[in-house]
Amino acid sequence: MSSFGINGSFLLLLSCTRPFVYYPTSNSRRNLFQIAEVSSTITCRIGNVLALIASFKDSDQSFIDLLGGVMAVMNILYFILFMCKYNRELEKALDREAEWSAGVKVNSNLGAKLMDAVDPWISATDAEGKLYYINRETNKTAWNKP
């Protein structure tokens, strides 16, 4: 029962905090790491419910074995499916980050060669994936490049 409460508290804490590292997924605007934590916590809670059901059942060993088997299969399937999805999404996020880094480097070199001055405005994306601009000298931000 205490595990059920601890997992519930952890789930509530996850929904109220902001992540340190942000990798958005392609299917939702939520953070990839936060989705991993939330879904694993929900799986633990389902296991807790199954354990509670088994404890209230009249010591029928076949019923307890059935619930244990269901939980084991569910955990294995969760692990396989989630890790496949997680790796695919993480690769996409890292590719986007590498493209952005390469683009900034190429664009800043091109700009310095074409114009004798370096453009103080650099592009960035916010947590929702929207493009905005930051002035390196003043730290001011703008949605459209001035």
N, C-alpha and C. Protein backbone atom coordinates (compact mmCIF):
# COMPACT_ATOMS: atom_id res chain seq x y z
N MET A 1 0.82 -1.19 0.00
CA MET A 1 0.00 0.00 0.00
C MET A 1 0.87 1.27 0.00
N SER A 2 1.99 1.20 0.74
CA SER A 2 2.87 2.38 0.78
C SER A 2 3.49 2.63 -0.59
N SER A 3 3.79 1.55 -1.33
CA SER A 3 4.34 1.71 -2.68
C SER A 3 3.35 2.42 -3.58
N PHE A 4 2.08 2.12 -3.42
CA PHE A 4 1.03 2.77 -4.20
C PHE A 4 1.01 4.27 -3.92
N GLY A 5 1.14 4.65 -2.65
CA GLY A 5 1.17 6.06 -2.27
C GLY A 5 2.42 6.77 -2.75
N ILE A 6 3.56 6.09 -2.66
CA ILE A 6 4.82 6.69 -3.11
C ILE A 6 4.79 6.92 -4.61
N ASN A 7 4.30 5.92 -5.37
CA ASN A 7 4.20 6.09 -6.82
C ASN A 7 3.23 7.21 -7.19
N GLY A 8 2.14 7.33 -6.44
CA GLY A 8 1.19 8.41 -6.69
C GLY A 8 1.80 9.77 -6.42
N SER A 9 2.57 9.88 -5.34
CA SER A 9 3.25 11.14 -5.02
C SER A 9 4.27 11.50 -6.09
N PHE A 10 5.01 10.49 -6.56
CA PHE A 10 6.01 10.72 -7.60
C PHE A 10 5.34 11.18 -8.90
N LEU A 11 4.22 10.58 -9.24
CA LEU A 11 3.48 10.96 -10.44
C LEU A 11 2.99 12.40 -10.33
N LEU A 12 2.49 12.79 -9.16
CA LEU A 12 2.05 14.16 -8.94
C LEU A 12 3.22 15.13 -9.04
N LEU A 13 4.35 14.77 -8.46
CA LEU A 13 5.54 15.62 -8.53
C LEU A 13 6.02 15.79 -9.97
N LEU A 14 5.99 14.72 -10.75
CA LEU A 14 6.40 14.80 -12.15
C LEU A 14 5.52 15.75 -12.95
N SER A 15 4.24 15.74 -12.66
CA SER A 15 3.33 16.58 -13.44
C SER A 15 3.46 18.06 -13.06
N CYS A 16 4.06 18.35 -11.92
CA CYS A 16 4.17 19.74 -11.45
C CYS A 16 5.54 20.37 -11.71
N THR A 17 6.53 19.59 -12.14
CA THR A 17 7.88 20.13 -12.30
C THR A 17 8.23 20.32 -13.76
N ARG A 18 9.23 21.15 -13.99
CA ARG A 18 9.76 21.36 -15.34
C ARG A 18 11.03 20.54 -15.49
N PRO A 19 11.28 19.98 -16.66
CA PRO A 19 12.46 19.13 -16.84
C PRO A 19 13.75 19.95 -16.95
N PHE A 20 14.87 19.33 -16.56
CA PHE A 20 16.18 19.96 -16.72
C PHE A 20 16.65 19.86 -18.17
N VAL A 21 16.44 18.73 -18.80
CA VAL A 21 16.83 18.49 -20.18
C VAL A 21 15.55 18.32 -20.98
N TYR A 22 15.46 19.01 -22.10
CA TYR A 22 14.22 18.98 -22.87
C TYR A 22 14.46 18.38 -24.25
N TYR A 23 13.87 17.24 -24.52
CA TYR A 23 13.85 16.63 -25.85
C TYR A 23 12.40 16.39 -26.21
N PRO A 24 11.79 17.27 -27.03
CA PRO A 24 10.38 17.07 -27.37
C PRO A 24 10.20 15.85 -28.25
N THR A 25 9.06 15.19 -28.09
CA THR A 25 8.77 14.04 -28.94
C THR A 25 8.05 14.52 -30.19
N SER A 26 8.03 13.67 -31.20
CA SER A 26 7.35 14.06 -32.44
C SER A 26 5.84 13.92 -32.32
N ASN A 27 5.37 13.07 -31.41
CA ASN A 27 3.93 12.84 -31.28
C ASN A 27 3.26 13.75 -30.27
N SER A 28 4.00 14.33 -29.39
CA SER A 28 3.38 15.21 -28.40
C SER A 28 4.36 16.32 -28.05
N ARG A 29 3.88 17.30 -27.36
CA ARG A 29 4.75 18.42 -26.97
C ARG A 29 5.39 18.18 -25.61
N ARG A 30 5.14 17.02 -25.03
CA ARG A 30 5.73 16.73 -23.72
C ARG A 30 7.18 16.31 -23.86
N ASN A 31 7.89 16.42 -22.80
CA ASN A 31 9.29 16.06 -22.77
C ASN A 31 9.45 14.54 -22.82
N LEU A 32 10.38 14.06 -23.61
CA LEU A 32 10.60 12.62 -23.79
C LEU A 32 10.97 11.95 -22.48
N PHE A 33 11.84 12.56 -21.69
CA PHE A 33 12.25 11.95 -20.43
C PHE A 33 11.10 11.94 -19.43
N GLN A 34 10.29 12.98 -19.44
CA GLN A 34 9.15 13.02 -18.53
C GLN A 34 8.13 11.96 -18.90
N ILE A 35 7.93 11.73 -20.19
CA ILE A 35 7.02 10.68 -20.62
C ILE A 35 7.53 9.32 -20.14
N ALA A 36 8.85 9.11 -20.19
CA ALA A 36 9.43 7.84 -19.72
C ALA A 36 9.14 7.64 -18.24
N GLU A 37 9.32 8.69 -17.45
CA GLU A 37 9.10 8.58 -16.01
C GLU A 37 7.63 8.38 -15.68
N VAL A 38 6.76 9.13 -16.35
CA VAL A 38 5.32 9.02 -16.08
C VAL A 38 4.81 7.64 -16.46
N SER A 39 5.19 7.15 -17.64
CA SER A 39 4.67 5.85 -18.06
C SER A 39 5.20 4.72 -17.21
N SER A 40 6.45 4.80 -16.75
CA SER A 40 6.96 3.74 -15.88
C SER A 40 6.28 3.79 -14.51
N THR A 41 5.98 4.99 -14.02
CA THR A 41 5.26 5.11 -12.76
C THR A 41 3.85 4.55 -12.88
N ILE A 42 3.19 4.81 -13.98
CA ILE A 42 1.84 4.27 -14.19
C ILE A 42 1.89 2.74 -14.25
N THR A 43 2.91 2.18 -14.89
CA THR A 43 3.06 0.73 -14.93
C THR A 43 3.25 0.16 -13.53
N CYS A 44 4.03 0.84 -12.70
CA CYS A 44 4.21 0.40 -11.31
C CYS A 44 2.88 0.45 -10.55
N ARG A 45 2.10 1.48 -10.80
CA ARG A 45 0.80 1.59 -10.12
C ARG A 45 -0.13 0.47 -10.54
N ILE A 46 -0.11 0.10 -11.81
CA ILE A 46 -0.94 -1.03 -12.26
C ILE A 46 -0.48 -2.31 -11.56
N GLY A 47 0.82 -2.49 -11.43
CA GLY A 47 1.34 -3.65 -10.69
C GLY A 47 0.91 -3.64 -9.24
N ASN A 48 0.87 -2.45 -8.63
CA ASN A 48 0.40 -2.35 -7.24
C ASN A 48 -1.06 -2.76 -7.12
N VAL A 49 -1.87 -2.33 -8.08
CA VAL A 49 -3.30 -2.68 -8.06
C VAL A 49 -3.45 -4.19 -8.20
N LEU A 50 -2.69 -4.80 -9.11
CA LEU A 50 -2.77 -6.26 -9.27
C LEU A 50 -2.32 -6.98 -8.00
N ALA A 51 -1.30 -6.46 -7.34
CA ALA A 51 -0.84 -7.07 -6.09
C ALA A 51 -1.90 -6.94 -5.00
N LEU A 52 -2.59 -5.79 -4.94
CA LEU A 52 -3.66 -5.62 -3.96
C LEU A 52 -4.82 -6.58 -4.24
N ILE A 53 -5.16 -6.74 -5.51
CA ILE A 53 -6.24 -7.67 -5.86
C ILE A 53 -5.86 -9.08 -5.42
N ALA A 54 -4.62 -9.47 -5.67
CA ALA A 54 -4.17 -10.82 -5.28
C ALA A 54 -4.16 -10.99 -3.77
N SER A 55 -3.85 -9.93 -3.03
CA SER A 55 -3.80 -10.06 -1.57
C SER A 55 -5.19 -10.19 -0.96
N PHE A 56 -6.21 -9.62 -1.60
CA PHE A 56 -7.56 -9.73 -1.06
C PHE A 56 -8.28 -11.00 -1.51
N LYS A 57 -7.74 -11.67 -2.48
CA LYS A 57 -8.33 -12.93 -2.95
C LYS A 57 -7.99 -14.02 -1.94
N ASP A 58 -8.85 -14.99 -1.78
CA ASP A 58 -8.67 -16.04 -0.77
C ASP A 58 -7.55 -17.01 -1.13
N SER A 59 -6.32 -16.60 -1.03
CA SER A 59 -5.12 -17.44 -1.19
C SER A 59 -5.23 -18.51 -2.27
N ASP A 60 -5.89 -18.21 -3.33
CA ASP A 60 -5.97 -19.14 -4.46
C ASP A 60 -4.68 -18.98 -5.26
N GLN A 61 -3.80 -19.94 -5.14
CA GLN A 61 -2.46 -19.83 -5.73
C GLN A 61 -2.52 -19.70 -7.24
N SER A 62 -3.46 -20.36 -7.89
CA SER A 62 -3.54 -20.26 -9.35
C SER A 62 -3.92 -18.84 -9.78
N PHE A 63 -4.79 -18.18 -8.99
CA PHE A 63 -5.17 -16.80 -9.29
C PHE A 63 -3.98 -15.86 -9.11
N ILE A 64 -3.22 -16.06 -8.03
CA ILE A 64 -2.04 -15.24 -7.77
C ILE A 64 -1.00 -15.46 -8.87
N ASP A 65 -0.82 -16.71 -9.29
CA ASP A 65 0.11 -17.00 -10.38
C ASP A 65 -0.33 -16.33 -11.67
N LEU A 66 -1.63 -16.33 -11.93
CA LEU A 66 -2.15 -15.68 -13.14
C LEU A 66 -1.87 -14.18 -13.11
N LEU A 67 -2.14 -13.53 -11.98
CA LEU A 67 -1.87 -12.09 -11.88
C LEU A 67 -0.37 -11.80 -12.01
N GLY A 68 0.46 -12.64 -11.40
CA GLY A 68 1.91 -12.46 -11.53
C GLY A 68 2.37 -12.62 -12.96
N GLY A 69 1.79 -13.58 -13.66
CA GLY A 69 2.13 -13.78 -15.07
C GLY A 69 1.70 -12.61 -15.93
N VAL A 70 0.50 -12.08 -15.65
CA VAL A 70 0.00 -10.92 -16.40
C VAL A 70 0.93 -9.73 -16.17
N MET A 71 1.35 -9.52 -14.94
CA MET A 71 2.24 -8.40 -14.64
C MET A 71 3.60 -8.59 -15.30
N ALA A 72 4.13 -9.80 -15.30
CA ALA A 72 5.43 -10.05 -15.93
C ALA A 72 5.36 -9.80 -17.43
N VAL A 73 4.32 -10.30 -18.08
CA VAL A 73 4.16 -10.08 -19.52
C VAL A 73 3.99 -8.59 -19.82
N MET A 74 3.20 -7.91 -18.98
CA MET A 74 2.98 -6.48 -19.18
C MET A 74 4.29 -5.70 -19.04
N ASN A 75 5.11 -6.05 -18.06
CA ASN A 75 6.39 -5.36 -17.87
C ASN A 75 7.34 -5.61 -19.04
N ILE A 76 7.39 -6.85 -19.52
CA ILE A 76 8.27 -7.16 -20.65
C ILE A 76 7.83 -6.42 -21.90
N LEU A 77 6.52 -6.44 -22.18
CA LEU A 77 6.01 -5.73 -23.36
C LEU A 77 6.24 -4.22 -23.24
N TYR A 78 6.00 -3.69 -22.05
CA TYR A 78 6.24 -2.27 -21.82
C TYR A 78 7.70 -1.93 -22.11
N PHE A 79 8.60 -2.73 -21.58
CA PHE A 79 10.03 -2.47 -21.76
C PHE A 79 10.41 -2.49 -23.24
N ILE A 80 9.98 -3.52 -23.94
CA ILE A 80 10.35 -3.65 -25.36
C ILE A 80 9.76 -2.51 -26.19
N LEU A 81 8.46 -2.27 -26.05
CA LEU A 81 7.81 -1.23 -26.85
C LEU A 81 8.32 0.16 -26.50
N PHE A 82 8.48 0.42 -25.22
CA PHE A 82 8.91 1.76 -24.83
C PHE A 82 10.35 2.02 -25.25
N MET A 83 11.24 1.05 -25.10
CA MET A 83 12.63 1.29 -25.47
C MET A 83 12.77 1.49 -26.98
N CYS A 84 11.99 0.77 -27.78
CA CYS A 84 12.02 1.00 -29.23
C CYS A 84 11.57 2.43 -29.55
N LYS A 85 10.45 2.84 -28.97
CA LYS A 85 9.92 4.19 -29.20
C LYS A 85 10.88 5.25 -28.65
N TYR A 86 11.40 5.01 -27.46
CA TYR A 86 12.30 5.96 -26.82
C TYR A 86 13.56 6.17 -27.66
N ASN A 87 14.17 5.09 -28.12
CA ASN A 87 15.39 5.22 -28.93
C ASN A 87 15.12 5.96 -30.23
N ARG A 88 13.98 5.67 -30.86
CA ARG A 88 13.65 6.35 -32.12
C ARG A 88 13.45 7.84 -31.89
N GLU A 89 12.71 8.21 -30.85
CA GLU A 89 12.47 9.62 -30.55
C GLU A 89 13.75 10.34 -30.13
N LEU A 90 14.60 9.67 -29.37
CA LEU A 90 15.84 10.30 -28.94
C LEU A 90 16.76 10.55 -30.13
N GLU A 91 16.82 9.60 -31.06
CA GLU A 91 17.62 9.81 -32.27
C GLU A 91 17.10 10.99 -33.07
N LYS A 92 15.78 11.12 -33.19
CA LYS A 92 15.20 12.26 -33.91
C LYS A 92 15.58 13.57 -33.23
N ALA A 93 15.47 13.60 -31.90
CA ALA A 93 15.78 14.83 -31.17
C ALA A 93 17.26 15.19 -31.31
N LEU A 94 18.13 14.20 -31.22
CA LEU A 94 19.57 14.47 -31.37
C LEU A 94 19.91 14.90 -32.79
N ASP A 95 19.24 14.33 -33.79
CA ASP A 95 19.46 14.75 -35.18
C ASP A 95 19.04 16.20 -35.38
N ARG A 96 17.88 16.58 -34.81
CA ARG A 96 17.42 17.97 -34.92
C ARG A 96 18.41 18.91 -34.25
N GLU A 97 18.93 18.50 -33.10
CA GLU A 97 19.90 19.33 -32.39
C GLU A 97 21.19 19.47 -33.19
N ALA A 98 21.65 18.38 -33.80
CA ALA A 98 22.88 18.43 -34.60
C ALA A 98 22.68 19.30 -35.84
N GLU A 99 21.52 19.19 -36.49
CA GLU A 99 21.23 20.03 -37.66
C GLU A 99 21.22 21.50 -37.27
N TRP A 100 20.60 21.80 -36.13
CA TRP A 100 20.54 23.18 -35.69
C TRP A 100 21.95 23.71 -35.40
N SER A 101 22.76 22.91 -34.70
CA SER A 101 24.13 23.34 -34.38
C SER A 101 24.95 23.56 -35.64
N ALA A 102 24.83 22.65 -36.59
CA ALA A 102 25.57 22.79 -37.85
C ALA A 102 25.08 24.01 -38.62
N GLY A 103 23.78 24.24 -38.63
CA GLY A 103 23.22 25.39 -39.33
C GLY A 103 23.67 26.70 -38.74
N VAL A 104 23.75 26.78 -37.43
CA VAL A 104 24.21 28.01 -36.77
C VAL A 104 25.66 28.27 -37.13
N LYS A 105 26.48 27.22 -37.11
CA LYS A 105 27.90 27.39 -37.41
C LYS A 105 28.10 27.84 -38.86
N VAL A 106 27.42 27.18 -39.80
CA VAL A 106 27.54 27.53 -41.21
C VAL A 106 27.01 28.93 -41.46
N ASN A 107 25.85 29.25 -40.91
CA ASN A 107 25.25 30.56 -41.14
C ASN A 107 26.10 31.68 -40.55
N SER A 108 26.68 31.47 -39.38
CA SER A 108 27.49 32.53 -38.79
C SER A 108 28.77 32.74 -39.60
N ASN A 109 29.36 31.67 -40.12
CA ASN A 109 30.55 31.82 -40.96
C ASN A 109 30.22 32.51 -42.27
N LEU A 110 29.11 32.14 -42.89
CA LEU A 110 28.69 32.77 -44.14
C LEU A 110 28.41 34.25 -43.94
N GLY A 111 27.72 34.56 -42.85
CA GLY A 111 27.37 35.95 -42.59
C GLY A 111 28.58 36.82 -42.38
N ALA A 112 29.59 36.29 -41.70
CA ALA A 112 30.80 37.07 -41.45
C ALA A 112 31.56 37.32 -42.74
N LYS A 113 31.52 36.37 -43.68
CA LYS A 113 32.23 36.56 -44.94
C LYS A 113 31.49 37.51 -45.86
N LEU A 114 30.17 37.40 -45.91
CA LEU A 114 29.39 38.23 -46.83
C LEU A 114 29.29 39.67 -46.35
N MET A 115 29.15 39.85 -45.06
CA MET A 115 29.07 41.19 -44.50
C MET A 115 30.30 41.35 -43.61
N ASP A 116 30.84 42.51 -43.57
CA ASP A 116 32.04 42.71 -42.76
C ASP A 116 31.74 42.70 -41.27
N ALA A 117 30.48 42.74 -40.89
CA ALA A 117 30.10 42.72 -39.48
C ALA A 117 29.37 41.40 -39.17
N VAL A 118 29.48 40.95 -37.94
CA VAL A 118 28.78 39.74 -37.51
C VAL A 118 27.37 40.13 -37.07
N ASP A 119 26.39 39.39 -37.54
CA ASP A 119 25.00 39.64 -37.17
C ASP A 119 24.81 39.28 -35.70
N PRO A 120 24.34 40.23 -34.87
CA PRO A 120 24.19 39.93 -33.45
C PRO A 120 22.99 39.03 -33.14
N TRP A 121 22.10 38.83 -34.09
CA TRP A 121 20.89 38.03 -33.85
C TRP A 121 21.14 36.58 -34.23
N ILE A 122 20.89 35.68 -33.27
CA ILE A 122 20.99 34.25 -33.54
C ILE A 122 19.61 33.61 -33.34
N SER A 123 19.35 32.55 -34.07
CA SER A 123 18.05 31.89 -33.96
C SER A 123 18.11 30.80 -32.90
N ALA A 124 16.96 30.54 -32.27
CA ALA A 124 16.83 29.49 -31.26
C ALA A 124 15.38 29.01 -31.28
N THR A 125 15.12 27.91 -30.60
CA THR A 125 13.75 27.42 -30.48
C THR A 125 13.40 27.31 -29.01
N ASP A 126 12.13 27.58 -28.70
CA ASP A 126 11.67 27.46 -27.33
C ASP A 126 11.25 26.02 -27.05
N ALA A 127 10.72 25.78 -25.86
CA ALA A 127 10.34 24.43 -25.44
C ALA A 127 9.23 23.84 -26.31
N GLU A 128 8.44 24.67 -26.96
CA GLU A 128 7.36 24.19 -27.82
C GLU A 128 7.79 24.07 -29.27
N GLY A 129 9.06 24.38 -29.57
CA GLY A 129 9.56 24.24 -30.93
C GLY A 129 9.39 25.48 -31.79
N LYS A 130 8.95 26.60 -31.21
CA LYS A 130 8.77 27.83 -31.98
C LYS A 130 10.12 28.54 -32.15
N LEU A 131 10.34 29.09 -33.33
CA LEU A 131 11.58 29.79 -33.65
C LEU A 131 11.52 31.22 -33.12
N TYR A 132 12.59 31.65 -32.45
CA TYR A 132 12.71 33.04 -32.01
C TYR A 132 14.17 33.46 -32.15
N TYR A 133 14.44 34.76 -31.94
CA TYR A 133 15.78 35.29 -32.15
C TYR A 133 16.28 35.96 -30.88
N ILE A 134 17.58 35.82 -30.63
CA ILE A 134 18.23 36.41 -29.45
C ILE A 134 19.36 37.32 -29.93
N ASN A 135 19.40 38.54 -29.40
CA ASN A 135 20.50 39.44 -29.69
C ASN A 135 21.64 39.13 -28.73
N ARG A 136 22.81 38.77 -29.28
CA ARG A 136 23.95 38.38 -28.44
C ARG A 136 24.45 39.53 -27.58
N GLU A 137 24.31 40.75 -28.08
CA GLU A 137 24.86 41.90 -27.36
C GLU A 137 23.94 42.38 -26.25
N THR A 138 22.63 42.38 -26.50
CA THR A 138 21.70 42.93 -25.51
C THR A 138 20.87 41.87 -24.80
N ASN A 139 20.91 40.62 -25.26
CA ASN A 139 20.11 39.52 -24.73
C ASN A 139 18.61 39.74 -24.90
N LYS A 140 18.22 40.64 -25.79
CA LYS A 140 16.80 40.83 -26.08
C LYS A 140 16.35 39.72 -27.02
N THR A 141 15.07 39.35 -26.92
CA THR A 141 14.51 38.31 -27.79
C THR A 141 13.39 38.90 -28.63
N ALA A 142 13.17 38.29 -29.79
CA ALA A 142 12.10 38.72 -30.69
C ALA A 142 11.63 37.51 -31.49
N TRP A 143 10.34 37.50 -31.82
CA TRP A 143 9.78 36.40 -32.61
C TRP A 143 10.20 36.52 -34.08
N ASN A 144 10.32 37.75 -34.58
CA ASN A 144 10.76 37.97 -35.96
C ASN A 144 12.14 38.60 -35.94
N LYS A 145 12.98 38.22 -36.89
CA LYS A 145 14.34 38.76 -36.92
C LYS A 145 14.29 40.23 -37.34
N PRO A 146 14.83 41.10 -36.51
CA PRO A 146 14.82 42.54 -36.83
C PRO A 146 15.74 42.87 -37.99
